[in-house]
Amino acid sequence: MEFRNMITGQAVRPAPWQLDLKIGDYYTIAAPTAAMGDGEHFEVFDDMPPVYGEIVDDEECAPGYFLARGYSAWCPDGELGILNICEPTRRLTAEEFTAARARGWRAES
């Protein structure tokens, strides 16, 4: 399975642990990057706080994508969105996810 980074055009292959992600798993994206644009020109935001999330569904998603709820210090109530399995930087245990919530979704010190 391979994905194409829309900003760089680079081919991205998920790690074996990313291929094993499933509904109910928790994850973090340590240094998320967001891009907004019209398909040809993007503005990239790379100074975002870590994202902590839970995979909630895969119905009607293409292979390698899930519906997930992500949380951060900027979005403490969470937001539903589509997650590509290449985005998480680490799988979390339920205890690690709960600890992140207790820290207000901030990175560990």
N, C-alpha and C. Protein backbone atom coordinates (compact mmCIF):
# COMPACT_ATOMS: atom_id res chain seq x y z
N MET A 1 0.86 -1.18 0.00
CA MET A 1 0.00 0.00 0.00
C MET A 1 0.90 1.23 0.00
N GLU A 2 0.55 2.18 -0.84
CA GLU A 2 1.35 3.40 -0.97
C GLU A 2 0.40 4.59 -1.12
N PHE A 3 0.79 5.70 -0.55
CA PHE A 3 0.01 6.93 -0.65
C PHE A 3 0.89 8.02 -1.21
N ARG A 4 0.31 9.05 -1.77
CA ARG A 4 1.06 10.15 -2.34
C ARG A 4 0.83 11.39 -1.49
N ASN A 5 1.92 12.01 -1.01
CA ASN A 5 1.83 13.26 -0.26
C ASN A 5 1.42 14.36 -1.24
N MET A 6 0.27 14.99 -0.99
CA MET A 6 -0.27 15.97 -1.94
C MET A 6 0.57 17.24 -2.00
N ILE A 7 1.33 17.52 -0.97
CA ILE A 7 2.15 18.74 -0.95
C ILE A 7 3.48 18.50 -1.66
N THR A 8 4.16 17.40 -1.30
CA THR A 8 5.50 17.16 -1.85
C THR A 8 5.48 16.26 -3.08
N GLY A 9 4.41 15.52 -3.28
CA GLY A 9 4.35 14.57 -4.36
C GLY A 9 5.08 13.27 -4.05
N GLN A 10 5.67 13.18 -2.88
CA GLN A 10 6.44 12.02 -2.46
C GLN A 10 5.53 10.81 -2.20
N ALA A 11 5.99 9.63 -2.59
CA ALA A 11 5.29 8.39 -2.27
C ALA A 11 5.58 8.04 -0.81
N VAL A 12 4.53 7.69 -0.09
CA VAL A 12 4.66 7.38 1.34
C VAL A 12 4.11 5.98 1.58
N ARG A 13 4.88 5.16 2.25
CA ARG A 13 4.46 3.80 2.59
C ARG A 13 4.29 3.70 4.10
N PRO A 14 3.17 3.16 4.55
CA PRO A 14 2.97 3.01 6.00
C PRO A 14 3.91 1.96 6.59
N ALA A 15 4.27 2.18 7.86
CA ALA A 15 5.05 1.20 8.62
C ALA A 15 4.14 0.02 8.97
N PRO A 16 4.70 -1.14 9.27
CA PRO A 16 3.87 -2.29 9.62
C PRO A 16 2.87 -2.01 10.75
N TRP A 17 3.29 -1.27 11.79
CA TRP A 17 2.36 -1.00 12.90
C TRP A 17 1.22 -0.10 12.44
N GLN A 18 1.47 0.78 11.47
CA GLN A 18 0.40 1.64 10.95
C GLN A 18 -0.61 0.81 10.16
N LEU A 19 -0.14 -0.19 9.44
CA LEU A 19 -1.04 -1.07 8.69
C LEU A 19 -1.96 -1.86 9.62
N ASP A 20 -1.53 -2.05 10.87
CA ASP A 20 -2.32 -2.82 11.84
C ASP A 20 -3.34 -1.97 12.60
N LEU A 21 -3.37 -0.65 12.38
CA LEU A 21 -4.33 0.20 13.10
C LEU A 21 -5.75 -0.23 12.78
N LYS A 22 -6.62 -0.11 13.81
CA LYS A 22 -8.01 -0.55 13.65
C LYS A 22 -8.93 0.29 14.52
N ILE A 23 -10.22 0.12 14.32
CA ILE A 23 -11.22 0.84 15.11
C ILE A 23 -10.97 0.58 16.60
N GLY A 24 -11.02 1.65 17.38
CA GLY A 24 -10.80 1.56 18.82
C GLY A 24 -9.38 1.88 19.24
N ASP A 25 -8.45 1.92 18.29
CA ASP A 25 -7.05 2.23 18.62
C ASP A 25 -6.89 3.72 18.89
N TYR A 26 -5.93 4.03 19.75
CA TYR A 26 -5.54 5.41 20.06
C TYR A 26 -4.19 5.67 19.42
N TYR A 27 -3.94 6.93 19.11
CA TYR A 27 -2.69 7.28 18.43
C TYR A 27 -2.32 8.72 18.78
N THR A 28 -1.09 9.09 18.45
CA THR A 28 -0.67 10.48 18.51
C THR A 28 0.01 10.85 17.20
N ILE A 29 -0.10 12.11 16.86
CA ILE A 29 0.67 12.70 15.77
C ILE A 29 1.53 13.76 16.45
N ALA A 30 2.81 13.44 16.64
CA ALA A 30 3.68 14.25 17.48
C ALA A 30 3.91 15.65 16.92
N ALA A 31 4.10 15.77 15.64
CA ALA A 31 4.36 17.08 15.03
C ALA A 31 3.49 17.21 13.78
N PRO A 32 2.20 17.43 13.97
CA PRO A 32 1.30 17.47 12.82
C PRO A 32 1.59 18.64 11.89
N THR A 33 1.27 18.44 10.64
CA THR A 33 1.36 19.47 9.63
C THR A 33 0.00 19.55 8.95
N ALA A 34 -0.48 20.71 8.75
CA ALA A 34 -1.75 20.90 8.05
C ALA A 34 -1.47 21.75 6.81
N ALA A 35 -2.22 21.48 5.78
CA ALA A 35 -2.09 22.26 4.55
C ALA A 35 -3.48 22.68 4.10
N MET A 36 -3.59 23.93 3.72
CA MET A 36 -4.85 24.43 3.21
C MET A 36 -4.57 25.04 1.84
N GLY A 37 -5.43 24.75 0.90
CA GLY A 37 -5.21 25.30 -0.42
C GLY A 37 -6.26 24.84 -1.40
N ASP A 38 -6.01 25.17 -2.66
CA ASP A 38 -6.99 24.91 -3.71
C ASP A 38 -6.61 23.72 -4.59
N GLY A 39 -5.66 22.94 -4.18
CA GLY A 39 -5.24 21.81 -4.99
C GLY A 39 -3.94 22.06 -5.74
N GLU A 40 -3.65 23.31 -6.03
CA GLU A 40 -2.39 23.65 -6.70
C GLU A 40 -1.46 24.41 -5.78
N HIS A 41 -2.01 25.29 -4.97
CA HIS A 41 -1.22 26.11 -4.06
C HIS A 41 -1.66 25.83 -2.64
N PHE A 42 -0.67 25.53 -1.78
CA PHE A 42 -0.96 25.19 -0.40
C PHE A 42 -0.25 26.14 0.53
N GLU A 43 -0.89 26.44 1.64
CA GLU A 43 -0.23 27.09 2.76
C GLU A 43 -0.05 26.02 3.81
N VAL A 44 1.17 25.83 4.28
CA VAL A 44 1.50 24.75 5.20
C VAL A 44 1.68 25.33 6.60
N PHE A 45 1.05 24.66 7.56
CA PHE A 45 1.16 25.04 8.98
C PHE A 45 1.86 23.89 9.68
N ASP A 46 3.06 24.14 10.20
CA ASP A 46 3.81 23.06 10.85
C ASP A 46 4.20 23.37 12.28
N ASP A 47 3.53 24.33 12.90
CA ASP A 47 3.83 24.67 14.29
C ASP A 47 2.65 24.30 15.20
N MET A 48 1.96 23.25 14.87
CA MET A 48 0.77 22.85 15.61
C MET A 48 1.14 21.98 16.81
N PRO A 49 0.30 21.98 17.85
CA PRO A 49 0.55 21.10 19.00
C PRO A 49 0.25 19.65 18.62
N PRO A 50 0.73 18.69 19.42
CA PRO A 50 0.46 17.29 19.12
C PRO A 50 -1.04 17.01 19.06
N VAL A 51 -1.39 16.03 18.25
CA VAL A 51 -2.76 15.57 18.15
C VAL A 51 -2.84 14.19 18.78
N TYR A 52 -3.88 13.97 19.57
CA TYR A 52 -4.16 12.67 20.17
C TYR A 52 -5.51 12.24 19.63
N GLY A 53 -5.63 10.99 19.21
CA GLY A 53 -6.87 10.61 18.59
C GLY A 53 -7.29 9.19 18.85
N GLU A 54 -8.54 8.93 18.47
CA GLU A 54 -9.12 7.59 18.55
C GLU A 54 -9.77 7.27 17.21
N ILE A 55 -9.48 6.10 16.70
CA ILE A 55 -10.10 5.64 15.46
C ILE A 55 -11.51 5.16 15.80
N VAL A 56 -12.51 5.75 15.14
CA VAL A 56 -13.90 5.43 15.52
C VAL A 56 -14.66 4.63 14.47
N ASP A 57 -14.24 4.63 13.21
CA ASP A 57 -15.01 3.90 12.19
C ASP A 57 -14.17 3.76 10.93
N ASP A 58 -14.53 2.80 10.10
CA ASP A 58 -13.89 2.66 8.79
C ASP A 58 -14.93 2.48 7.69
N GLU A 59 -16.18 2.56 8.07
CA GLU A 59 -17.26 2.39 7.10
C GLU A 59 -17.20 3.50 6.05
N GLU A 60 -17.29 3.11 4.81
CA GLU A 60 -17.29 4.04 3.68
C GLU A 60 -15.97 4.80 3.50
N CYS A 61 -14.89 4.33 4.13
CA CYS A 61 -13.58 4.94 3.93
C CYS A 61 -12.77 4.04 2.99
N ALA A 62 -11.94 4.66 2.19
CA ALA A 62 -11.04 3.91 1.31
C ALA A 62 -10.03 3.14 2.16
N PRO A 63 -9.46 2.06 1.63
CA PRO A 63 -8.42 1.34 2.38
C PRO A 63 -7.31 2.29 2.81
N GLY A 64 -6.90 2.14 4.07
CA GLY A 64 -5.84 2.99 4.62
C GLY A 64 -6.34 4.27 5.24
N TYR A 65 -7.66 4.45 5.29
CA TYR A 65 -8.26 5.65 5.88
C TYR A 65 -9.30 5.24 6.91
N PHE A 66 -9.44 6.06 7.96
CA PHE A 66 -10.42 5.83 9.01
C PHE A 66 -11.10 7.14 9.36
N LEU A 67 -12.28 7.03 9.93
CA LEU A 67 -12.91 8.16 10.60
C LEU A 67 -12.33 8.18 12.01
N ALA A 68 -11.81 9.32 12.42
CA ALA A 68 -11.16 9.43 13.73
C ALA A 68 -11.57 10.74 14.39
N ARG A 69 -11.49 10.74 15.72
CA ARG A 69 -11.72 11.97 16.48
C ARG A 69 -10.37 12.36 17.06
N GLY A 70 -9.90 13.56 16.66
CA GLY A 70 -8.61 14.05 17.12
C GLY A 70 -8.78 15.19 18.10
N TYR A 71 -7.88 15.25 19.06
CA TYR A 71 -7.88 16.27 20.12
C TYR A 71 -6.52 16.93 20.18
N SER A 72 -6.49 18.20 20.56
CA SER A 72 -5.22 18.88 20.79
C SER A 72 -5.47 20.04 21.75
N ALA A 73 -4.39 20.71 22.15
CA ALA A 73 -4.54 21.89 23.00
C ALA A 73 -5.34 22.97 22.27
N TRP A 74 -5.29 22.99 20.95
CA TRP A 74 -6.05 23.95 20.15
C TRP A 74 -7.50 23.51 19.95
N CYS A 75 -7.76 22.22 20.10
CA CYS A 75 -9.11 21.68 19.86
C CYS A 75 -9.43 20.65 20.95
N PRO A 76 -9.59 21.11 22.21
CA PRO A 76 -9.75 20.19 23.33
C PRO A 76 -11.05 19.39 23.32
N ASP A 77 -12.07 19.85 22.60
CA ASP A 77 -13.33 19.11 22.53
C ASP A 77 -13.33 18.06 21.43
N GLY A 78 -12.29 18.04 20.64
CA GLY A 78 -12.16 17.04 19.59
C GLY A 78 -12.87 17.43 18.30
N GLU A 79 -12.43 16.78 17.24
CA GLU A 79 -13.00 17.04 15.93
C GLU A 79 -12.93 15.76 15.11
N LEU A 80 -14.05 15.42 14.47
CA LEU A 80 -14.08 14.25 13.59
C LEU A 80 -13.44 14.59 12.26
N GLY A 81 -12.71 13.64 11.74
CA GLY A 81 -12.10 13.84 10.43
C GLY A 81 -11.59 12.52 9.89
N ILE A 82 -11.06 12.57 8.69
CA ILE A 82 -10.51 11.38 8.05
C ILE A 82 -9.02 11.30 8.36
N LEU A 83 -8.60 10.14 8.80
CA LEU A 83 -7.21 9.89 9.16
C LEU A 83 -6.59 8.93 8.15
N ASN A 84 -5.46 9.31 7.59
CA ASN A 84 -4.67 8.40 6.77
C ASN A 84 -3.72 7.67 7.70
N ILE A 85 -3.56 6.37 7.52
CA ILE A 85 -2.75 5.57 8.45
C ILE A 85 -1.29 5.98 8.48
N CYS A 86 -0.82 6.78 7.52
CA CYS A 86 0.56 7.24 7.53
C CYS A 86 0.77 8.41 8.49
N GLU A 87 -0.31 9.05 8.95
CA GLU A 87 -0.18 10.24 9.79
C GLU A 87 0.24 9.96 11.24
N PRO A 88 -0.31 8.96 11.93
CA PRO A 88 0.10 8.75 13.33
C PRO A 88 1.59 8.46 13.43
N THR A 89 2.18 9.01 14.47
CA THR A 89 3.60 8.75 14.72
C THR A 89 3.81 7.67 15.77
N ARG A 90 2.73 7.35 16.52
CA ARG A 90 2.83 6.29 17.53
C ARG A 90 1.44 5.85 17.94
N ARG A 91 1.28 4.56 18.16
CA ARG A 91 0.05 4.02 18.73
C ARG A 91 0.13 4.25 20.25
N LEU A 92 -0.99 4.61 20.85
CA LEU A 92 -1.06 4.84 22.30
C LEU A 92 -1.90 3.77 22.98
N THR A 93 -1.59 3.52 24.24
CA THR A 93 -2.47 2.69 25.06
C THR A 93 -3.62 3.57 25.56
N ALA A 94 -4.66 2.94 26.07
CA ALA A 94 -5.78 3.69 26.65
C ALA A 94 -5.29 4.56 27.81
N GLU A 95 -4.33 4.06 28.58
CA GLU A 95 -3.79 4.81 29.71
C GLU A 95 -3.03 6.05 29.23
N GLU A 96 -2.26 5.92 28.17
CA GLU A 96 -1.53 7.07 27.63
C GLU A 96 -2.50 8.11 27.07
N PHE A 97 -3.57 7.66 26.44
CA PHE A 97 -4.57 8.58 25.90
C PHE A 97 -5.26 9.33 27.05
N THR A 98 -5.61 8.62 28.11
CA THR A 98 -6.25 9.24 29.28
C THR A 98 -5.31 10.25 29.94
N ALA A 99 -4.02 9.92 30.01
CA ALA A 99 -3.03 10.84 30.59
C ALA A 99 -2.91 12.10 29.74
N ALA A 100 -2.95 11.96 28.42
CA ALA A 100 -2.89 13.13 27.53
C ALA A 100 -4.11 14.03 27.76
N ARG A 101 -5.29 13.42 27.94
CA ARG A 101 -6.50 14.19 28.23
C ARG A 101 -6.32 14.97 29.55
N ALA A 102 -5.77 14.32 30.56
CA ALA A 102 -5.56 14.96 31.87
C ALA A 102 -4.58 16.12 31.76
N ARG A 103 -3.65 16.08 30.81
CA ARG A 103 -2.68 17.16 30.60
C ARG A 103 -3.25 18.27 29.73
N GLY A 104 -4.52 18.17 29.36
CA GLY A 104 -5.11 19.17 28.47
C GLY A 104 -4.62 19.01 27.04
N TRP A 105 -4.29 17.75 26.67
CA TRP A 105 -3.84 17.40 25.31
C TRP A 105 -2.50 18.03 24.96
N ARG A 106 -1.73 18.38 25.98
CA ARG A 106 -0.39 18.93 25.73
C ARG A 106 0.63 17.78 25.68
N ALA A 107 1.76 18.04 25.06
CA ALA A 107 2.82 17.03 24.96
C ALA A 107 3.36 16.72 26.35
N GLU A 108 3.87 15.52 26.49
CA GLU A 108 4.53 15.14 27.75
C GLU A 108 5.76 16.02 27.94
N SER A 109 6.06 16.33 29.18
CA SER A 109 7.24 17.15 29.49
C SER A 109 8.49 16.31 29.45
